[in-house]
Amino acid sequence: MKVIIDLCVVPLGVGVSVSKYVAVCQKIIQKAGLTSELHAYGTNIEGEWDAVFDVVKQCHEQIHGMGAPRITTTIKAGTRIDREQTMADKVKSVKEKV
């Protein structure tokens, strides 16, 4: 099943700058070959359910491995089975209406 998620991973106990942790997650997403879009407060990711959520797990494992004692993650997930729809399709649909 295809899924699109909005992922926000926040390591706690590592100070106020988290960009190096975000960069690690971006590398994991890229290595997995998933389509993604980084934005100011998270990352949109699309792909097969298991592949996408495996990336989330890998992000947690890697960030803990970097010394973060705690991580809080917010995920919004959407699936649809009536037709295929990409992140780009969703954005294009809105832009056409503006």
C-alpha atoms as a PDB file:
ATOM      1  CA  MET A   1       0.000   0.000   0.000  1.00  0.00           C
ATOM      2  CA  LYS A   2       1.263   3.471  -0.873  1.00  0.00           C
ATOM      3  CA  VAL A   3       1.454   6.106   1.860  1.00  0.00           C
ATOM      4  CA  ILE A   4       2.351   9.770   2.125  1.00  0.00           C
ATOM      5  CA  ILE A   5       3.572  10.940   5.519  1.00  0.00           C
ATOM      6  CA  ASP A   6       4.567  14.204   7.081  1.00  0.00           C
ATOM      7  CA  LEU A   7       7.405  13.378   9.463  1.00  0.00           C
ATOM      8  CA  CYS A   8       8.814  15.569  12.218  1.00  0.00           C
ATOM      9  CA  VAL A   9      11.537  13.925  14.307  1.00  0.00           C
ATOM     10  CA  VAL A  10      12.765  15.981  17.266  1.00  0.00           C
ATOM     11  CA  PRO A  11      15.712  14.752  19.322  1.00  0.00           C
ATOM     12  CA  LEU A  12      15.568  15.874  22.945  1.00  0.00           C
ATOM     13  CA  GLY A  13      18.480  16.513  25.254  1.00  0.00           C
ATOM     14  CA  VAL A  14      20.841  17.607  22.455  1.00  0.00           C
ATOM     15  CA  GLY A  15      20.544  21.404  22.560  1.00  0.00           C
ATOM     16  CA  VAL A  16      18.510  23.776  20.436  1.00  0.00           C
ATOM     17  CA  SER A  17      20.021  23.087  17.000  1.00  0.00           C
ATOM     18  CA  VAL A  18      18.824  19.855  15.401  1.00  0.00           C
ATOM     19  CA  SER A  19      19.913  20.339  11.784  1.00  0.00           C
ATOM     20  CA  LYS A  20      22.631  17.666  11.951  1.00  0.00           C
ATOM     21  CA  TYR A  21      19.994  15.130  13.021  1.00  0.00           C
ATOM     22  CA  VAL A  22      17.622  16.225  10.263  1.00  0.00           C
ATOM     23  CA  ALA A  23      20.476  15.845   7.766  1.00  0.00           C
ATOM     24  CA  VAL A  24      21.068  12.265   8.925  1.00  0.00           C
ATOM     25  CA  CYS A  25      17.388  11.447   8.366  1.00  0.00           C
ATOM     26  CA  GLN A  26      17.497  13.053   4.914  1.00  0.00           C
ATOM     27  CA  LYS A  27      20.430  10.806   3.989  1.00  0.00           C
ATOM     28  CA  ILE A  28      18.504   7.748   5.188  1.00  0.00           C
ATOM     29  CA  ILE A  29      15.470   8.760   3.098  1.00  0.00           C
ATOM     30  CA  GLN A  30      17.621   9.357   0.020  1.00  0.00           C
ATOM     31  CA  LYS A  31      19.447   6.047   0.444  1.00  0.00           C
ATOM     32  CA  ALA A  32      16.066   4.286   0.582  1.00  0.00           C
ATOM     33  CA  GLY A  33      15.187   5.867  -2.777  1.00  0.00           C
ATOM     34  CA  LEU A  34      11.954   7.392  -1.497  1.00  0.00           C
ATOM     35  CA  THR A  35      10.464  10.590  -2.859  1.00  0.00           C
ATOM     36  CA  SER A  36      10.614  13.308  -0.214  1.00  0.00           C
ATOM     37  CA  GLU A  37      10.273  17.029   0.265  1.00  0.00           C
ATOM     38  CA  LEU A  38      12.017  18.772   3.147  1.00  0.00           C
ATOM     39  CA  HIS A  39      10.146  21.734   4.611  1.00  0.00           C
ATOM     40  CA  ALA A  40      10.721  24.080   7.536  1.00  0.00           C
ATOM     41  CA  TYR A  41       9.140  21.848  10.183  1.00  0.00           C
ATOM     42  CA  GLY A  42       9.514  18.342   8.801  1.00  0.00           C
ATOM     43  CA  THR A  43       9.668  16.185   5.718  1.00  0.00           C
ATOM     44  CA  ASN A  44       6.993  14.767   3.433  1.00  0.00           C
ATOM     45  CA  ILE A  45       7.789  11.227   2.282  1.00  0.00           C
ATOM     46  CA  GLU A  46       5.939   8.975  -0.140  1.00  0.00           C
ATOM     47  CA  GLY A  47       6.334   5.324  -1.006  1.00  0.00           C
ATOM     48  CA  GLU A  48       5.304   1.842  -0.007  1.00  0.00           C
ATOM     49  CA  TRP A  49       4.118   1.617   3.610  1.00  0.00           C
ATOM     50  CA  ASP A  50       6.840  -0.740   4.852  1.00  0.00           C
ATOM     51  CA  ALA A  51       9.655   1.188   3.168  1.00  0.00           C
ATOM     52  CA  VAL A  52       8.444   4.530   4.537  1.00  0.00           C
ATOM     53  CA  PHE A  53       8.032   3.315   8.096  1.00  0.00           C
ATOM     54  CA  ASP A  54      11.340   1.450   7.946  1.00  0.00           C
ATOM     55  CA  VAL A  55      12.950   4.828   7.223  1.00  0.00           C
ATOM     56  CA  VAL A  56      11.266   6.285  10.320  1.00  0.00           C
ATOM     57  CA  LYS A  57      12.709   3.436  12.398  1.00  0.00           C
ATOM     58  CA  GLN A  58      16.165   3.933  10.901  1.00  0.00           C
ATOM     59  CA  CYS A  59      16.022   7.654  11.704  1.00  0.00           C
ATOM     60  CA  HIS A  60      15.267   6.862  15.344  1.00  0.00           C
ATOM     61  CA  GLU A  61      18.027   4.267  15.544  1.00  0.00           C
ATOM     62  CA  GLN A  62      20.603   6.568  13.947  1.00  0.00           C
ATOM     63  CA  ILE A  63      19.693   9.606  16.064  1.00  0.00           C
ATOM     64  CA  HIS A  64      19.857   7.555  19.272  1.00  0.00           C
ATOM     65  CA  GLY A  65      23.216   6.270  18.014  1.00  0.00           C
ATOM     66  CA  MET A  66      24.369   9.897  17.773  1.00  0.00           C
ATOM     67  CA  GLY A  67      23.716  10.324  21.490  1.00  0.00           C
ATOM     68  CA  ALA A  68      20.174  11.676  21.663  1.00  0.00           C
ATOM     69  CA  PRO A  69      18.688  10.165  24.816  1.00  0.00           C
ATOM     70  CA  ARG A  70      15.102  10.837  23.770  1.00  0.00           C
ATOM     71  CA  ILE A  71      13.176  11.499  20.552  1.00  0.00           C
ATOM     72  CA  THR A  72       9.659  12.741  19.997  1.00  0.00           C
ATOM     73  CA  THR A  73       8.158  12.161  16.569  1.00  0.00           C
ATOM     74  CA  THR A  74       4.995  13.458  14.971  1.00  0.00           C
ATOM     75  CA  ILE A  75       3.652  11.622  11.943  1.00  0.00           C
ATOM     76  CA  LYS A  76       0.651  12.433   9.792  1.00  0.00           C
ATOM     77  CA  ALA A  77      -0.078   9.597   7.357  1.00  0.00           C
ATOM     78  CA  GLY A  78      -2.465   9.338   4.453  1.00  0.00           C
ATOM     79  CA  THR A  79      -3.397   6.470   2.181  1.00  0.00           C
ATOM     80  CA  ARG A  80      -5.896   6.109  -0.590  1.00  0.00           C
ATOM     81  CA  ILE A  81      -6.951   3.111  -2.610  1.00  0.00           C
ATOM     82  CA  ASP A  82      -9.329   4.646  -5.161  1.00  0.00           C
ATOM     83  CA  ARG A  83      -6.451   5.954  -7.290  1.00  0.00           C
ATOM     84  CA  GLU A  84      -2.725   6.669  -7.208  1.00  0.00           C
ATOM     85  CA  GLN A  85      -1.785  10.153  -6.064  1.00  0.00           C
ATOM     86  CA  THR A  86       1.667  11.602  -5.449  1.00  0.00           C
ATOM     87  CA  MET A  87       2.714  14.537  -3.297  1.00  0.00           C
ATOM     88  CA  ALA A  88       3.235  16.512  -6.506  1.00  0.00           C
ATOM     89  CA  ASP A  89      -0.301  15.679  -7.659  1.00  0.00           C
ATOM     90  CA  LYS A  90      -1.741  16.991  -4.407  1.00  0.00           C
ATOM     91  CA  VAL A  91       0.182  20.282  -4.603  1.00  0.00           C
ATOM     92  CA  LYS A  92      -0.637  20.731  -8.289  1.00  0.00           C
ATOM     93  CA  SER A  93      -4.350  20.253  -7.594  1.00  0.00           C
ATOM     94  CA  VAL A  94      -4.351  23.086  -5.050  1.00  0.00           C
ATOM     95  CA  LYS A  95      -2.206  25.423  -7.168  1.00  0.00           C
ATOM     96  CA  GLU A  96      -4.594  25.007 -10.107  1.00  0.00           C
ATOM     97  CA  LYS A  97      -7.401  26.280  -7.899  1.00  0.00           C
ATOM     98  CA  VAL A  98      -5.575  29.347  -6.559  1.00  0.00           C
END
